[in-house]
Amino acid sequence: MDRRRWRLPTVRVIGAMLDRNGLRPGRYLVPRTTPWSWPRRPGCWKIPAAEIKMKGRLQPGKMFLVDTVEGRIVTDREIKNRLSFRKPYAQWLKENQISLDQLPEPVRVHASDHQTILSRQRAFGYTDEDLKMVLEPMAGKGEEPVGSMGTRYPPGLSLGSSTSRSSTTSSSCFAQVTNPPIDSIREELVMSLISYIGSEGNILEETPLNCHTLKLQHPILTNRDLEKLRRVSRGDMLATTLPTLFPRRTATCGLKFALDELCRRASLSVEVGI
C-alpha cells in the first residue's frame, strides 16, 4: 500500500466542552516555543514552568476552541458573543414564544377528588415506595427524592397480572441503583426545569419559526395548567384531546383496538393540522 496516497484532512478548529458539572475537567497548557498540548493527566509531560506561556482547564458550561489557521485559542466569551449576536434571537423569542401565563383562563377546571384518590393511585400503579420515597419529600419538603431506578417486575408481565405495575410508556430492565439527588447549587449552571412544547424545526436553518414554542417553567402541571394546554390555539400550535379508554371486559382485544384507534386519530389530526 502506498502510504503517500493517505493524507489526513486539514483541521481548521479543534474544540471541546463538558457536560453537567465537569467532574473530569480537561487541562491544557501552551508552551512558548512548541504547539499547545492537552495532557490526559496532570504531570505526564515534564515541561519547565519558565517555558509555559499559559495553562488552564476546561470549565463546566464553557467551551474550548483552538483555531489552527490563526494559531490561537478562542475564548469562551468570544465564541458565545460571536454566536449570540449573529441573529436577533431575543427579538425572535419575544415575537414567537409564549408562556403558560399568557394563555387564556379555562372555562372549566376539574376539581380534585380526594374521595377517589386511592383507587386512582392503584389504577396508575403507584406503590407505597413511590408515595413515601418520591412524592412525600417533593410535596412536603420541596426536596429532591432519593430513590432507585430500574425495574422490579419480572419480564413478560401481562396486562391482566395481579402484580401491580406502573402504567409507564416504557420500562428499562436493569439492576436497581440508588442515584444521589441533583445538586441544585453546584449544578445550577447546567441544569434547568424549564421545558418547551412545540415543533423544533430544522436545527440547520435559523428562522423565527423555530422560536414558536410554549415555555413551561417546570414539568409539574396542575389541573388548571392542563386545561390551558388542552385549549392551546396559537399559530401552528393547536391542541386536541384523544381518548385512550376501552371497556375492561374486552381485555387485550379492547387494548389492541384502543391503540389502533389512538394511532389512527393521531395521524388524522396531524394531517388536518389539528
Protein backbone atom coordinates (compact mmCIF):
# COMPACT_ATOMS: atom_id res chain seq x y z
CA MET A 1 0.00 0.00 0.00
CA ASP A 2 1.32 3.41 -0.95
CA ARG A 3 1.14 5.46 2.23
CA ARG A 4 1.67 8.67 0.30
CA ARG A 5 -1.89 8.39 -1.00
CA TRP A 6 -3.33 8.52 2.52
CA ARG A 7 -3.33 12.03 3.93
CA LEU A 8 -5.20 13.38 6.90
CA PRO A 9 -7.68 16.16 6.11
CA THR A 10 -6.77 19.70 7.13
CA VAL A 11 -8.30 20.53 10.51
CA ARG A 12 -9.35 24.16 10.92
CA VAL A 13 -10.64 24.07 14.50
CA ILE A 14 -10.43 21.69 17.44
CA GLY A 15 -12.97 22.09 20.22
CA ALA A 16 -14.22 20.50 23.42
CA MET A 17 -16.81 21.13 26.11
CA LEU A 18 -18.02 19.50 29.29
CA ASP A 19 -21.48 18.23 30.18
CA ARG A 20 -23.14 18.76 33.56
CA ASN A 21 -20.72 19.83 36.31
CA GLY A 22 -17.47 18.60 34.76
CA LEU A 23 -16.21 16.05 37.24
CA ARG A 24 -13.24 15.26 34.96
CA PRO A 25 -12.08 18.60 33.58
CA GLY A 26 -9.51 18.65 30.81
CA ARG A 27 -6.29 20.55 31.46
CA TYR A 28 -4.24 22.26 28.78
CA LEU A 29 -1.04 24.27 28.52
CA VAL A 30 0.55 26.44 25.87
CA PRO A 31 4.37 26.30 25.72
CA ARG A 32 6.29 29.32 24.45
CA THR A 33 8.05 27.53 21.62
CA THR A 34 6.09 24.36 20.77
CA PRO A 35 2.39 23.95 19.86
CA TRP A 36 -0.20 23.77 22.60
CA SER A 37 -0.89 20.41 24.23
CA TRP A 38 -3.69 18.70 26.10
CA PRO A 39 -2.23 16.09 28.52
CA ARG A 40 -4.54 13.33 29.64
CA ARG A 41 -3.32 13.50 33.25
CA PRO A 42 -1.56 16.31 35.14
CA GLY A 43 2.19 15.95 35.27
CA CYS A 44 2.51 13.44 32.43
CA TRP A 45 4.59 15.89 30.38
CA LYS A 46 7.65 17.37 32.04
CA ILE A 47 7.83 20.99 30.84
CA PRO A 48 9.71 23.59 32.88
CA ALA A 49 7.49 26.35 34.26
CA ALA A 50 9.60 29.01 32.58
CA GLU A 51 8.70 27.58 29.15
CA ILE A 52 4.94 27.61 29.75
CA LYS A 53 3.17 30.62 28.27
CA MET A 54 -0.33 29.82 29.53
CA LYS A 55 -2.20 26.96 31.14
CA GLY A 56 -5.76 26.31 32.24
CA ARG A 57 -8.60 23.82 32.36
CA LEU A 58 -11.90 23.27 30.62
CA GLN A 59 -14.58 24.59 32.98
CA PRO A 60 -18.22 23.45 33.37
CA GLY A 61 -20.58 25.17 30.94
CA LYS A 62 -17.71 26.65 28.92
CA MET A 63 -16.13 25.75 25.58
CA PHE A 64 -12.52 25.36 24.49
CA LEU A 65 -11.65 26.06 20.88
CA VAL A 66 -8.33 26.11 19.03
CA ASP A 67 -8.10 27.80 15.62
CA THR A 68 -5.20 26.07 13.87
CA VAL A 69 -5.17 28.55 11.00
CA GLU A 70 -4.93 31.65 13.18
CA GLY A 71 -2.79 29.76 15.67
CA ARG A 72 -4.64 30.82 18.81
CA ILE A 73 -7.10 29.68 21.47
CA VAL A 74 -10.55 31.21 21.03
CA THR A 75 -12.01 32.10 24.42
CA ASP A 76 -15.44 31.00 25.61
CA ARG A 77 -16.65 34.62 25.77
CA GLU A 78 -15.60 35.30 22.18
CA ILE A 79 -17.34 32.16 20.90
CA LYS A 80 -20.64 32.94 22.62
CA ASN A 81 -20.58 36.64 21.72
CA ARG A 82 -19.98 35.80 18.08
CA LEU A 83 -22.84 33.29 18.02
CA SER A 84 -25.34 35.21 20.15
CA PHE A 85 -25.17 38.36 18.02
CA ARG A 86 -25.32 36.58 14.66
CA LYS A 87 -29.14 36.78 14.54
CA PRO A 88 -31.75 38.77 16.51
CA TYR A 89 -32.61 35.78 18.68
CA ALA A 90 -34.05 37.84 21.55
CA GLN A 91 -36.49 39.58 19.21
CA TRP A 92 -37.48 36.25 17.66
CA LEU A 93 -38.31 34.82 21.08
CA LYS A 94 -40.26 37.91 22.09
CA GLU A 95 -42.41 37.74 18.96
CA ASN A 96 -42.94 33.97 18.69
CA GLN A 97 -42.54 32.28 22.07
CA ILE A 98 -45.45 32.12 24.53
CA SER A 99 -45.65 31.07 28.16
CA LEU A 100 -48.31 29.29 30.16
CA ASP A 101 -49.32 32.56 31.88
CA GLN A 102 -50.15 34.13 28.51
CA LEU A 103 -52.77 31.52 27.68
CA PRO A 104 -56.43 32.37 28.41
CA GLU A 105 -58.03 31.08 31.58
CA PRO A 106 -60.03 27.86 31.10
CA VAL A 107 -63.78 27.97 31.39
CA ARG A 108 -63.92 24.75 33.41
CA VAL A 109 -61.32 23.10 35.63
CA HIS A 110 -61.59 19.59 37.06
CA ALA A 111 -61.53 19.84 40.85
CA SER A 112 -59.51 17.45 42.99
CA ASP A 113 -61.44 14.40 44.15
CA HIS A 114 -59.91 13.20 47.40
CA GLN A 115 -62.56 10.50 47.83
CA THR A 116 -61.27 8.51 44.84
CA ILE A 117 -57.55 9.24 45.12
CA LEU A 118 -56.71 5.75 46.43
CA SER A 119 -58.45 3.96 43.56
CA ARG A 120 -56.82 6.26 41.00
CA GLN A 121 -53.39 5.67 42.54
CA ARG A 122 -53.97 1.94 42.20
CA ALA A 123 -55.12 2.35 38.61
CA PHE A 124 -51.92 4.20 37.71
CA GLY A 125 -49.67 1.77 39.59
CA TYR A 126 -48.49 3.95 42.47
CA THR A 127 -46.79 1.97 45.24
CA ASP A 128 -46.03 2.76 48.89
CA GLU A 129 -42.41 3.28 47.86
CA ASP A 130 -43.44 5.89 45.29
CA LEU A 131 -45.53 7.77 47.84
CA LYS A 132 -43.04 7.70 50.71
CA MET A 133 -39.70 7.92 48.89
CA VAL A 134 -40.62 10.15 45.93
CA LEU A 135 -43.85 12.14 46.33
CA GLU A 136 -43.73 12.88 50.06
CA PRO A 137 -40.27 14.56 50.06
CA MET A 138 -41.15 16.56 46.94
CA ALA A 139 -44.60 17.75 48.08
CA GLY A 140 -43.93 18.10 51.81
CA LYS A 141 -40.41 19.49 51.99
CA GLY A 142 -39.60 20.54 48.43
CA GLU A 143 -36.64 18.16 48.35
CA GLU A 144 -35.15 16.12 45.54
CA PRO A 145 -36.18 12.48 46.18
CA VAL A 146 -33.60 9.75 46.63
CA GLY A 147 -34.94 6.58 45.02
CA SER A 148 -33.91 3.60 42.98
CA MET A 149 -34.01 3.44 39.23
CA GLY A 150 -34.56 0.18 37.40
CA THR A 151 -37.36 -2.37 37.25
CA ARG A 152 -38.69 -4.62 39.97
CA TYR A 153 -41.03 -6.61 37.75
CA PRO A 154 -40.33 -9.90 36.00
CA PRO A 155 -40.09 -9.91 32.18
CA GLY A 156 -43.30 -10.64 30.29
CA LEU A 157 -45.67 -9.30 32.95
CA SER A 158 -49.08 -9.31 31.28
CA LEU A 159 -51.74 -6.63 31.43
CA GLY A 160 -54.09 -8.78 33.47
CA SER A 161 -51.49 -9.84 36.04
CA SER A 162 -52.30 -9.38 39.71
CA THR A 163 -48.87 -7.82 40.25
CA SER A 164 -49.12 -4.04 40.38
CA ARG A 165 -47.22 -2.18 37.73
CA SER A 166 -46.86 1.47 36.92
CA SER A 167 -48.55 2.44 33.66
CA THR A 168 -45.48 3.98 32.02
CA THR A 169 -44.94 4.00 28.29
CA SER A 170 -41.64 2.17 28.57
CA SER A 171 -39.55 0.33 31.12
CA SER A 172 -35.80 -0.22 31.26
CA CYS A 173 -34.68 -3.61 32.52
CA PHE A 174 -31.51 -3.25 34.58
CA ALA A 175 -30.37 -3.58 38.16
CA GLN A 176 -31.70 -1.10 40.69
CA VAL A 177 -29.20 1.53 41.71
CA THR A 178 -29.62 4.49 44.03
CA ASN A 179 -28.86 7.85 42.46
CA PRO A 180 -27.97 10.86 44.59
CA PRO A 181 -30.15 13.94 44.16
CA ILE A 182 -29.10 16.70 41.79
CA ASP A 183 -27.04 19.40 43.45
CA SER A 184 -29.12 22.48 42.63
CA ILE A 185 -26.34 24.81 43.84
CA ARG A 186 -23.26 23.39 42.10
CA GLU A 187 -25.15 22.22 39.01
CA GLU A 188 -27.28 25.35 38.58
CA LEU A 189 -25.26 26.42 35.55
CA VAL A 190 -26.10 23.32 33.51
CA MET A 191 -29.44 22.15 34.98
CA SER A 192 -32.90 23.58 34.39
CA LEU A 193 -36.52 22.57 34.96
CA ILE A 194 -37.74 24.64 32.01
CA SER A 195 -39.43 22.64 29.25
CA TYR A 196 -40.61 23.61 25.78
CA ILE A 197 -43.61 22.35 23.83
CA GLY A 198 -43.73 22.69 20.08
CA SER A 199 -42.01 21.71 16.87
CA GLU A 200 -38.22 22.01 16.92
CA GLY A 201 -37.96 22.58 13.20
CA ASN A 202 -34.78 22.22 11.22
CA ILE A 203 -31.83 23.00 13.51
CA LEU A 204 -29.70 23.79 10.46
CA GLU A 205 -32.00 26.69 9.49
CA GLU A 206 -32.08 29.71 11.79
CA THR A 207 -35.53 31.21 11.34
CA PRO A 208 -38.04 32.92 13.67
CA LEU A 209 -40.40 29.95 13.23
CA ASN A 210 -38.05 27.78 15.29
CA CYS A 211 -38.86 30.01 18.27
CA HIS A 212 -42.59 29.30 18.06
CA THR A 213 -42.77 27.23 21.24
CA LEU A 214 -44.66 27.13 24.53
CA LYS A 215 -42.40 27.66 27.54
CA LEU A 216 -43.09 25.79 30.79
CA GLN A 217 -41.21 26.87 33.91
CA HIS A 218 -41.36 23.35 35.39
CA PRO A 219 -42.75 19.95 34.36
CA ILE A 220 -45.39 19.77 37.15
CA LEU A 221 -48.81 20.76 35.82
CA THR A 222 -51.95 21.46 37.82
CA ASN A 223 -55.46 20.70 36.56
CA ARG A 224 -55.75 24.38 35.64
CA ASP A 225 -52.49 24.28 33.65
CA LEU A 226 -53.59 21.11 31.87
CA GLU A 227 -56.89 22.68 30.82
CA LYS A 228 -54.96 25.62 29.39
CA LEU A 229 -52.79 23.28 27.33
CA ARG A 230 -55.81 21.36 26.06
CA ARG A 231 -57.14 24.56 24.50
CA VAL A 232 -53.96 25.99 23.00
CA SER A 233 -54.59 27.71 19.68
CA ARG A 234 -51.66 29.93 18.74
CA GLY A 235 -50.28 29.86 15.23
CA ASP A 236 -49.20 26.32 14.33
CA MET A 237 -49.68 25.22 17.94
CA LEU A 238 -53.10 23.57 18.08
CA ALA A 239 -54.09 21.09 20.77
CA THR A 240 -56.57 18.24 20.59
CA THR A 241 -57.67 15.58 23.08
CA LEU A 242 -57.58 11.93 22.04
CA PRO A 243 -59.41 9.28 24.10
CA THR A 244 -57.48 6.21 25.26
CA LEU A 245 -60.21 4.35 27.15
CA PHE A 246 -61.59 0.91 26.31
CA PRO A 247 -64.05 -1.45 28.06
CA ARG A 248 -62.36 -3.61 30.69
CA ARG A 249 -64.39 -6.66 29.70
CA THR A 250 -62.78 -6.70 26.27
CA ALA A 251 -59.33 -7.27 27.88
CA THR A 252 -56.45 -7.48 25.39
CA CYS A 253 -58.72 -7.25 22.33
CA GLY A 254 -60.02 -3.93 23.59
CA LEU A 255 -56.49 -2.69 24.30
CA LYS A 256 -55.38 -3.51 20.75
CA PHE A 257 -58.41 -1.76 19.29
CA ALA A 258 -57.86 1.28 21.51
CA LEU A 259 -54.20 1.57 20.48
CA ASP A 260 -55.04 1.22 16.79
CA GLU A 261 -57.77 3.82 17.12
CA LEU A 262 -55.44 6.16 19.00
CA CYS A 263 -52.83 5.92 16.22
CA ARG A 264 -55.48 6.48 13.57
CA ARG A 265 -56.90 9.57 15.27
CA ALA A 266 -53.43 10.99 15.96
CA SER A 267 -52.42 10.59 12.30
CA LEU A 268 -55.70 12.12 11.14
CA SER A 269 -55.22 15.10 13.49
CA VAL A 270 -51.75 15.73 12.09
CA GLU A 271 -52.99 15.54 8.50
CA VAL A 272 -55.78 18.07 9.04
CA GLY A 273 -53.49 20.36 11.04
CA ILE A 274 -55.03 19.97 14.49
